[in-house]
Amino acid sequence: MLNIAVKAARRAGSIINRASIDLDRLQVSRKGPHDYVTEVDRAAEEAIIDVLRTAYPDHLFLAEESGQHGHPPAGELAANEWVIDPLDGTTNFIHGLPTYAVSIALRQRGQVMHAVIFDPARNELFTASRGSGAFLNDRRVRVSGQTKFHDALLGARWPGSFGPDQLAAPRFGALASKCSAVRRTGSVVLDLAYVAAGRLDGFCGIGLKQWDMAAASLMVLEAGGLVGDLEGEQTWMETGSVLAATPRIFTQMLTHILPG
């Protein structure tokens, strides 16, 4: 299943790379404030679903642009459901900023079992399967060995990029002021993949969707990191608020972000 997901991600990446050559012809529309979609998002998603559906015609899909494809029996979790973000970082893409990625996860009975994140601009392929570790271009990766929060480099997706949250903002300010620096790349999927690869020591985000977190969360866990919500609990997939980091940094992030 992982190999089929890699095939789908690479096909989507080819579509994205071809379109990136001539962005002046790109057709862009808005889904909401600061939320863009292009024909490339849709074409990449269709290509992914086509590859996966050809291999697994009975599987279900949850995709960012086209939504839910099929439903499990009432009261049951889907036996096999693909969670797809065809182009995470669309705003970066339409500006020619090469920081975006394709994300594909296979969820079985509610648990993510396989994950693929493909950065077509850098030809970096992140993969993970539950219990088998996380890899970047077939090389095993681990979260960083950072233990001191004041030296930690964090990724973030919090108020400011998509609207103010006056209750939450002070908590994030306290978190940011205590670490070495915060980077906001515009791609949650890549931020979390970078935590898995040790490029970032931690990540904090709110207002996220399942397709932002499904593949990337497994990547962090299989690389030896921790993932939780802003209280350290396991409701992040439901709430859209997530912390992910190396174990030592995760604990310290919680102490800074929890209400005093």
C-alpha atoms as a PDB file:
ATOM      1  CA  MET A   1       0.000   0.000   0.000  1.00  0.00           C
ATOM      2  CA  LEU A   2       2.858   2.377   0.777  1.00  0.00           C
ATOM      3  CA  ASN A   3       4.348   1.852  -2.689  1.00  0.00           C
ATOM      4  CA  ILE A   4       1.025   2.680  -4.341  1.00  0.00           C
ATOM      5  CA  ALA A   5       0.778   5.845  -2.234  1.00  0.00           C
ATOM      6  CA  VAL A   6       4.295   6.829  -3.309  1.00  0.00           C
ATOM      7  CA  LYS A   7       3.282   6.316  -6.945  1.00  0.00           C
ATOM      8  CA  ALA A   8       0.239   8.550  -6.424  1.00  0.00           C
ATOM      9  CA  ALA A   9       2.274  11.257  -4.684  1.00  0.00           C
ATOM     10  CA  ARG A  10       4.887  11.317  -7.436  1.00  0.00           C
ATOM     11  CA  ARG A  11       2.206  11.578 -10.110  1.00  0.00           C
ATOM     12  CA  ALA A  12       0.713  14.564  -8.302  1.00  0.00           C
ATOM     13  CA  GLY A  13       4.198  16.029  -7.908  1.00  0.00           C
ATOM     14  CA  SER A  14       4.738  15.844 -11.670  1.00  0.00           C
ATOM     15  CA  ILE A  15       1.554  17.838 -12.233  1.00  0.00           C
ATOM     16  CA  ILE A  16       2.650  20.430  -9.702  1.00  0.00           C
ATOM     17  CA  ASN A  17       6.160  20.731 -11.141  1.00  0.00           C
ATOM     18  CA  ARG A  18       4.867  21.221 -14.684  1.00  0.00           C
ATOM     19  CA  ALA A  19       2.497  23.942 -13.526  1.00  0.00           C
ATOM     20  CA  SER A  20       5.227  25.715 -11.538  1.00  0.00           C
ATOM     21  CA  ILE A  21       7.096  26.505 -14.761  1.00  0.00           C
ATOM     22  CA  ASP A  22       4.437  28.994 -15.895  1.00  0.00           C
ATOM     23  CA  LEU A  23       2.609  30.428 -12.905  1.00  0.00           C
ATOM     24  CA  ASP A  24       1.335  33.425 -14.898  1.00  0.00           C
ATOM     25  CA  ARG A  25      -1.256  31.143 -16.505  1.00  0.00           C
ATOM     26  CA  LEU A  26      -2.442  29.757 -13.180  1.00  0.00           C
ATOM     27  CA  GLN A  27      -6.162  30.090 -12.417  1.00  0.00           C
ATOM     28  CA  VAL A  28      -6.615  30.967  -8.754  1.00  0.00           C
ATOM     29  CA  SER A  29      -9.821  31.206  -6.721  1.00  0.00           C
ATOM     30  CA  ARG A  30     -10.643  31.672  -3.045  1.00  0.00           C
ATOM     31  CA  LYS A  31     -12.259  29.150  -0.724  1.00  0.00           C
ATOM     32  CA  GLY A  32     -12.218  31.673   2.127  1.00  0.00           C
ATOM     33  CA  PRO A  33     -10.064  34.427   3.659  1.00  0.00           C
ATOM     34  CA  HIS A  34      -6.383  33.663   2.988  1.00  0.00           C
ATOM     35  CA  ASP A  35      -7.440  30.260   1.584  1.00  0.00           C
ATOM     36  CA  TYR A  36      -6.712  29.717  -2.096  1.00  0.00           C
ATOM     37  CA  VAL A  37      -7.267  26.871  -4.524  1.00  0.00           C
ATOM     38  CA  THR A  38      -6.007  26.396  -8.082  1.00  0.00           C
ATOM     39  CA  GLU A  39      -6.706  24.000 -10.909  1.00  0.00           C
ATOM     40  CA  VAL A  40      -3.384  22.397  -9.971  1.00  0.00           C
ATOM     41  CA  ASP A  41      -4.752  21.445  -6.523  1.00  0.00           C
ATOM     42  CA  ARG A  42      -7.726  19.806  -8.179  1.00  0.00           C
ATOM     43  CA  ALA A  43      -5.736  18.063 -10.921  1.00  0.00           C
ATOM     44  CA  ALA A  44      -3.221  16.720  -8.399  1.00  0.00           C
ATOM     45  CA  GLU A  45      -6.028  15.433  -6.175  1.00  0.00           C
ATOM     46  CA  GLU A  46      -7.770  13.741  -9.094  1.00  0.00           C
ATOM     47  CA  ALA A  47      -4.500  12.052 -10.094  1.00  0.00           C
ATOM     48  CA  ILE A  48      -3.933  10.764  -6.556  1.00  0.00           C
ATOM     49  CA  ILE A  49      -7.439   9.393  -6.238  1.00  0.00           C
ATOM     50  CA  ASP A  50      -7.227   7.795  -9.682  1.00  0.00           C
ATOM     51  CA  VAL A  51      -4.049   5.892  -8.784  1.00  0.00           C
ATOM     52  CA  LEU A  52      -5.379   4.783  -5.398  1.00  0.00           C
ATOM     53  CA  ARG A  53      -8.858   3.894  -6.615  1.00  0.00           C
ATOM     54  CA  THR A  54      -7.464   1.830  -9.483  1.00  0.00           C
ATOM     55  CA  ALA A  55      -5.465  -0.223  -6.975  1.00  0.00           C
ATOM     56  CA  TYR A  56      -8.090  -0.270  -4.228  1.00  0.00           C
ATOM     57  CA  PRO A  57     -11.583   0.274  -5.671  1.00  0.00           C
ATOM     58  CA  ASP A  58     -13.345  -0.459  -2.373  1.00  0.00           C
ATOM     59  CA  HIS A  59     -11.391   2.075  -0.280  1.00  0.00           C
ATOM     60  CA  LEU A  60     -12.836   5.369   0.949  1.00  0.00           C
ATOM     61  CA  PHE A  61     -11.304   8.833   0.536  1.00  0.00           C
ATOM     62  CA  LEU A  62     -11.212  12.095   2.478  1.00  0.00           C
ATOM     63  CA  ALA A  63      -9.643  14.752   0.268  1.00  0.00           C
ATOM     64  CA  GLU A  64      -9.189  18.471   0.831  1.00  0.00           C
ATOM     65  CA  GLU A  65     -10.742  19.696  -2.405  1.00  0.00           C
ATOM     66  CA  SER A  66     -13.434  17.105  -3.137  1.00  0.00           C
ATOM     67  CA  GLY A  67     -14.336  16.056   0.397  1.00  0.00           C
ATOM     68  CA  GLN A  68     -15.602  12.637   1.457  1.00  0.00           C
ATOM     69  CA  HIS A  69     -15.824   9.812  -1.081  1.00  0.00           C
ATOM     70  CA  GLY A  70     -17.992   7.052   0.360  1.00  0.00           C
ATOM     71  CA  HIS A  71     -19.017   6.340   3.948  1.00  0.00           C
ATOM     72  CA  PRO A  72     -18.504   3.362   6.274  1.00  0.00           C
ATOM     73  CA  PRO A  73     -21.501   1.511   7.727  1.00  0.00           C
ATOM     74  CA  ALA A  74     -23.334   3.508  10.390  1.00  0.00           C
ATOM     75  CA  GLY A  75     -21.541   3.481  13.712  1.00  0.00           C
ATOM     76  CA  GLU A  76     -18.340   1.977  12.283  1.00  0.00           C
ATOM     77  CA  LEU A  77     -14.923   3.344  11.387  1.00  0.00           C
ATOM     78  CA  ALA A  78     -13.753   2.918   7.812  1.00  0.00           C
ATOM     79  CA  ALA A  79     -11.711  -0.217   7.235  1.00  0.00           C
ATOM     80  CA  ASN A  80      -9.538   1.683   4.755  1.00  0.00           C
ATOM     81  CA  GLU A  81      -9.663   5.435   4.185  1.00  0.00           C
ATOM     82  CA  TRP A  82      -7.135   7.586   2.346  1.00  0.00           C
ATOM     83  CA  VAL A  83      -6.672  11.118   3.700  1.00  0.00           C
ATOM     84  CA  ILE A  84      -5.294  13.421   1.016  1.00  0.00           C
ATOM     85  CA  ASP A  85      -3.893  16.934   0.785  1.00  0.00           C
ATOM     86  CA  PRO A  86      -2.877  17.317  -2.868  1.00  0.00           C
ATOM     87  CA  LEU A  87      -0.968  20.584  -2.410  1.00  0.00           C
ATOM     88  CA  ASP A  88      -0.289  21.848   1.091  1.00  0.00           C
ATOM     89  CA  GLY A  89       1.127  25.351   0.788  1.00  0.00           C
ATOM     90  CA  THR A  90      -0.974  26.621  -2.117  1.00  0.00           C
ATOM     91  CA  THR A  91      -0.298  30.260  -1.227  1.00  0.00           C
ATOM     92  CA  ASN A  92       3.430  29.594  -1.441  1.00  0.00           C
ATOM     93  CA  PHE A  93       2.943  27.781  -4.754  1.00  0.00           C
ATOM     94  CA  ILE A  94       1.043  30.583  -6.473  1.00  0.00           C
ATOM     95  CA  HIS A  95       3.764  33.051  -5.424  1.00  0.00           C
ATOM     96  CA  GLY A  96       6.554  30.845  -6.728  1.00  0.00           C
ATOM     97  CA  LEU A  97       7.859  30.103  -3.237  1.00  0.00           C
ATOM     98  CA  PRO A  98       8.988  26.454  -3.427  1.00  0.00           C
ATOM     99  CA  THR A  99       7.730  25.297  -0.041  1.00  0.00           C
ATOM    100  CA  TYR A 100       4.761  22.996  -0.531  1.00  0.00           C
ATOM    101  CA  ALA A 101       4.028  19.281  -0.470  1.00  0.00           C
ATOM    102  CA  VAL A 102       1.709  16.421  -1.336  1.00  0.00           C
ATOM    103  CA  SER A 103       0.370  14.474   1.653  1.00  0.00           C
ATOM    104  CA  ILE A 104      -1.267  11.020   1.582  1.00  0.00           C
ATOM    105  CA  ALA A 105      -2.185   8.855   4.578  1.00  0.00           C
ATOM    106  CA  LEU A 106      -3.966   5.525   4.852  1.00  0.00           C
ATOM    107  CA  ARG A 107      -6.194   5.290   7.903  1.00  0.00           C
ATOM    108  CA  GLN A 108      -7.514   1.884   8.993  1.00  0.00           C
ATOM    109  CA  ARG A 109     -10.270   1.792  11.628  1.00  0.00           C
ATOM    110  CA  GLY A 110      -9.319   5.341  12.614  1.00  0.00           C
ATOM    111  CA  GLN A 111      -5.581   4.698  12.954  1.00  0.00           C
ATOM    112  CA  VAL A 112      -3.060   6.030  10.430  1.00  0.00           C
ATOM    113  CA  MET A 113      -0.982   3.092   9.209  1.00  0.00           C
ATOM    114  CA  HIS A 114       0.953   4.453   6.193  1.00  0.00           C
ATOM    115  CA  ALA A 115       2.071   7.958   5.292  1.00  0.00           C
ATOM    116  CA  VAL A 116       3.697   9.686   2.331  1.00  0.00           C
ATOM    117  CA  ILE A 117       4.779  13.322   2.092  1.00  0.00           C
ATOM    118  CA  PHE A 118       6.376  14.424  -1.168  1.00  0.00           C
ATOM    119  CA  ASP A 119       8.110  17.764  -1.726  1.00  0.00           C
ATOM    120  CA  PRO A 120       8.225  17.987  -5.539  1.00  0.00           C
ATOM    121  CA  ALA A 121      10.330  21.148  -5.613  1.00  0.00           C
ATOM    122  CA  ARG A 122      13.197  19.428  -3.751  1.00  0.00           C
ATOM    123  CA  ASN A 123      12.400  15.839  -4.768  1.00  0.00           C
ATOM    124  CA  GLU A 124      12.254  14.871  -1.094  1.00  0.00           C
ATOM    125  CA  LEU A 125      10.101  11.869  -0.274  1.00  0.00           C
ATOM    126  CA  PHE A 126       9.136  11.266   3.366  1.00  0.00           C
ATOM    127  CA  THR A 127       7.537   7.900   4.153  1.00  0.00           C
ATOM    128  CA  ALA A 128       6.412   6.045   7.255  1.00  0.00           C
ATOM    129  CA  SER A 129       4.542   2.879   8.164  1.00  0.00           C
ATOM    130  CA  ARG A 130       3.332   2.180  11.686  1.00  0.00           C
ATOM    131  CA  GLY A 131       5.970   0.224  13.584  1.00  0.00           C
ATOM    132  CA  SER A 132       8.553   0.481  10.783  1.00  0.00           C
ATOM    133  CA  GLY A 133      10.118   3.914  11.271  1.00  0.00           C
ATOM    134  CA  ALA A 134      10.209   7.121   9.219  1.00  0.00           C
ATOM    135  CA  PHE A 135      12.352   7.706   6.147  1.00  0.00           C
ATOM    136  CA  LEU A 136      13.530  10.518   3.898  1.00  0.00           C
ATOM    137  CA  ASN A 137      14.502   9.277   0.422  1.00  0.00           C
ATOM    138  CA  ASP A 138      14.987   5.760   1.888  1.00  0.00           C
ATOM    139  CA  ARG A 139      17.256   7.015   4.687  1.00  0.00           C
ATOM    140  CA  ARG A 140      15.890   6.544   8.193  1.00  0.00           C
ATOM    141  CA  VAL A 141      15.279   9.790  10.078  1.00  0.00           C
ATOM    142  CA  ARG A 142      14.888  10.635  13.748  1.00  0.00           C
ATOM    143  CA  VAL A 143      13.704  13.703  15.627  1.00  0.00           C
ATOM    144  CA  SER A 144      16.463  15.983  16.862  1.00  0.00           C
ATOM    145  CA  GLY A 145      18.396  15.392  20.031  1.00  0.00           C
ATOM    146  CA  GLN A 146      17.657  18.894  21.301  1.00  0.00           C
ATOM    147  CA  THR A 147      16.877  19.011  25.023  1.00  0.00           C
ATOM    148  CA  LYS A 148      17.055  22.735  25.854  1.00  0.00           C
ATOM    149  CA  PHE A 149      13.988  24.760  24.964  1.00  0.00           C
ATOM    150  CA  HIS A 150      15.897  28.038  24.749  1.00  0.00           C
ATOM    151  CA  ASP A 151      17.935  26.499  21.904  1.00  0.00           C
ATOM    152  CA  ALA A 152      14.936  24.948  20.113  1.00  0.00           C
ATOM    153  CA  LEU A 153      13.859  25.984  16.622  1.00  0.00           C
ATOM    154  CA  LEU A 154      10.079  25.694  16.226  1.00  0.00           C
ATOM    155  CA  GLY A 155       7.663  25.672  13.346  1.00  0.00           C
ATOM    156  CA  ALA A 156       4.281  27.315  13.804  1.00  0.00           C
ATOM    157  CA  ARG A 157       0.829  27.894  12.386  1.00  0.00           C
ATOM    158  CA  TRP A 158      -0.967  30.131  14.847  1.00  0.00           C
ATOM    159  CA  PRO A 159      -2.907  33.434  14.892  1.00  0.00           C
ATOM    160  CA  GLY A 160      -1.664  36.049  12.492  1.00  0.00           C
ATOM    161  CA  SER A 161      -1.607  34.066   9.261  1.00  0.00           C
ATOM    162  CA  PHE A 162      -5.351  33.375   9.212  1.00  0.00           C
ATOM    163  CA  GLY A 163      -6.995  35.706  11.724  1.00  0.00           C
ATOM    164  CA  PRO A 164      -6.516  36.805  15.321  1.00  0.00           C
ATOM    165  CA  ASP A 165      -7.327  34.694  18.356  1.00  0.00           C
ATOM    166  CA  GLN A 166      -7.141  37.074  21.271  1.00  0.00           C
ATOM    167  CA  LEU A 167      -7.501  34.363  23.906  1.00  0.00           C
ATOM    168  CA  ALA A 168      -4.795  32.132  22.476  1.00  0.00           C
ATOM    169  CA  ALA A 169      -2.297  34.741  21.279  1.00  0.00           C
ATOM    170  CA  PRO A 170      -0.630  35.384  24.666  1.00  0.00           C
ATOM    171  CA  ARG A 171       0.003  31.675  25.086  1.00  0.00           C
ATOM    172  CA  PHE A 172       1.785  31.524  21.736  1.00  0.00           C
ATOM    173  CA  GLY A 173       3.719  34.686  22.511  1.00  0.00           C
ATOM    174  CA  ALA A 174       5.055  33.134  25.685  1.00  0.00           C
ATOM    175  CA  LEU A 175       6.010  29.995  23.792  1.00  0.00           C
ATOM    176  CA  ALA A 176       7.834  31.923  21.072  1.00  0.00           C
ATOM    177  CA  SER A 177       9.715  34.206  23.431  1.00  0.00           C
ATOM    178  CA  LYS A 178      11.341  31.318  25.297  1.00  0.00           C
ATOM    179  CA  CYS A 179      12.722  29.346  22.328  1.00  0.00           C
ATOM    180  CA  SER A 180      15.566  30.144  19.954  1.00  0.00           C
ATOM    181  CA  ALA A 181      13.333  31.129  17.012  1.00  0.00           C
ATOM    182  CA  VAL A 182      10.053  30.374  15.248  1.00  0.00           C
ATOM    183  CA  ARG A 183       9.686  29.650  11.542  1.00  0.00           C
ATOM    184  CA  ARG A 184       6.364  29.907   9.694  1.00  0.00           C
ATOM    185  CA  THR A 185       6.937  28.261   6.337  1.00  0.00           C
ATOM    186  CA  GLY A 186       3.343  28.207   5.114  1.00  0.00           C
ATOM    187  CA  SER A 187       3.229  24.409   4.845  1.00  0.00           C
ATOM    188  CA  VAL A 188       2.098  22.551   7.965  1.00  0.00           C
ATOM    189  CA  VAL A 189       2.793  19.222   6.287  1.00  0.00           C
ATOM    190  CA  LEU A 190       6.436  20.113   5.640  1.00  0.00           C
ATOM    191  CA  ASP A 191       6.845  21.672   9.094  1.00  0.00           C
ATOM    192  CA  LEU A 192       5.815  18.394  10.699  1.00  0.00           C
ATOM    193  CA  ALA A 193       7.952  16.360   8.291  1.00  0.00           C
ATOM    194  CA  TYR A 194      10.878  18.583   9.276  1.00  0.00           C
ATOM    195  CA  VAL A 195      10.246  17.790  12.943  1.00  0.00           C
ATOM    196  CA  ALA A 196      10.458  14.108  12.027  1.00  0.00           C
ATOM    197  CA  ALA A 197      13.713  14.705  10.149  1.00  0.00           C
ATOM    198  CA  GLY A 198      15.267  16.756  12.968  1.00  0.00           C
ATOM    199  CA  ARG A 199      15.309  20.029  11.004  1.00  0.00           C
ATOM    200  CA  LEU A 200      12.851  21.578  13.454  1.00  0.00           C
ATOM    201  CA  ASP A 201      12.783  20.686  17.136  1.00  0.00           C
ATOM    202  CA  GLY A 202       9.050  21.195  17.512  1.00  0.00           C
ATOM    203  CA  PHE A 203       5.857  22.500  15.947  1.00  0.00           C
ATOM    204  CA  CYS A 204       2.721  24.194  17.266  1.00  0.00           C
ATOM    205  CA  GLY A 205      -0.370  24.791  15.178  1.00  0.00           C
ATOM    206  CA  ILE A 206      -4.064  25.541  15.505  1.00  0.00           C
ATOM    207  CA  GLY A 207      -6.971  25.607  13.070  1.00  0.00           C
ATOM    208  CA  LEU A 208      -5.686  22.544  11.214  1.00  0.00           C
ATOM    209  CA  LYS A 209      -7.607  19.939   9.219  1.00  0.00           C
ATOM    210  CA  GLN A 210      -7.251  16.169   9.204  1.00  0.00           C
ATOM    211  CA  TRP A 211      -5.409  16.217   5.879  1.00  0.00           C
ATOM    212  CA  ASP A 212      -2.850  18.614   7.385  1.00  0.00           C
ATOM    213  CA  MET A 213      -2.023  16.207  10.193  1.00  0.00           C
ATOM    214  CA  ALA A 214      -2.788  12.606   9.217  1.00  0.00           C
ATOM    215  CA  ALA A 215       0.368  11.619   7.315  1.00  0.00           C
ATOM    216  CA  ALA A 216       2.657  14.047   9.129  1.00  0.00           C
ATOM    217  CA  SER A 217       1.634  12.900  12.604  1.00  0.00           C
ATOM    218  CA  LEU A 218       2.623   9.306  11.855  1.00  0.00           C
ATOM    219  CA  MET A 219       5.909  10.588  10.448  1.00  0.00           C
ATOM    220  CA  VAL A 220       6.724  12.352  13.738  1.00  0.00           C
ATOM    221  CA  LEU A 221       5.712   9.390  15.880  1.00  0.00           C
ATOM    222  CA  GLU A 222       7.714   6.899  13.818  1.00  0.00           C
ATOM    223  CA  ALA A 223      10.737   9.217  14.038  1.00  0.00           C
ATOM    224  CA  GLY A 224      10.616   9.065  17.838  1.00  0.00           C
ATOM    225  CA  GLY A 225       8.685  12.252  18.518  1.00  0.00           C
ATOM    226  CA  LEU A 226       5.513  12.997  20.455  1.00  0.00           C
ATOM    227  CA  VAL A 227       2.235  14.431  19.169  1.00  0.00           C
ATOM    228  CA  GLY A 228      -0.613  15.835  21.245  1.00  0.00           C
ATOM    229  CA  ASP A 229      -3.072  18.689  21.523  1.00  0.00           C
ATOM    230  CA  LEU A 230      -2.324  21.907  23.409  1.00  0.00           C
ATOM    231  CA  GLU A 231      -3.055  20.128  26.691  1.00  0.00           C
ATOM    232  CA  GLY A 232      -0.923  17.111  25.796  1.00  0.00           C
ATOM    233  CA  GLU A 233      -3.953  14.904  25.137  1.00  0.00           C
ATOM    234  CA  GLN A 234      -4.799  12.850  22.049  1.00  0.00           C
ATOM    235  CA  THR A 235      -7.684  14.944  20.698  1.00  0.00           C
ATOM    236  CA  TRP A 236      -5.624  16.879  18.155  1.00  0.00           C
ATOM    237  CA  MET A 237      -7.237  15.216  15.139  1.00  0.00           C
ATOM    238  CA  GLU A 238     -10.649  16.378  16.353  1.00  0.00           C
ATOM    239  CA  THR A 239      -9.671  19.838  17.633  1.00  0.00           C
ATOM    240  CA  GLY A 240      -7.166  20.806  14.933  1.00  0.00           C
ATOM    241  CA  SER A 241      -4.723  22.042  17.583  1.00  0.00           C
ATOM    242  CA  VAL A 242      -1.438  20.172  17.727  1.00  0.00           C
ATOM    243  CA  LEU A 243       1.985  20.104  19.332  1.00  0.00           C
ATOM    244  CA  ALA A 244       4.682  17.867  17.872  1.00  0.00           C
ATOM    245  CA  ALA A 245       8.287  17.665  19.009  1.00  0.00           C
ATOM    246  CA  THR A 246      11.177  15.631  20.279  1.00  0.00           C
ATOM    247  CA  PRO A 247      10.127  14.210  23.686  1.00  0.00           C
ATOM    248  CA  ARG A 248      12.122  16.658  25.843  1.00  0.00           C
ATOM    249  CA  ILE A 249      11.013  19.683  23.841  1.00  0.00           C
ATOM    250  CA  PHE A 250       7.390  18.489  23.756  1.00  0.00           C
ATOM    251  CA  THR A 251       7.240  18.487  27.548  1.00  0.00           C
ATOM    252  CA  GLN A 252       8.761  21.963  27.745  1.00  0.00           C
ATOM    253  CA  MET A 253       6.407  23.313  25.064  1.00  0.00           C
ATOM    254  CA  LEU A 254       3.468  22.128  27.159  1.00  0.00           C
ATOM    255  CA  THR A 255       4.734  23.940  30.248  1.00  0.00           C
ATOM    256  CA  HIS A 256       4.961  27.194  28.302  1.00  0.00           C
ATOM    257  CA  ILE A 257       1.645  26.958  26.456  1.00  0.00           C
ATOM    258  CA  LEU A 258      -0.644  25.617  29.186  1.00  0.00           C
ATOM    259  CA  PRO A 259      -2.696  28.387  30.851  1.00  0.00           C
ATOM    260  CA  GLY A 260      -0.918  29.620  33.961  1.00  0.00           C
END
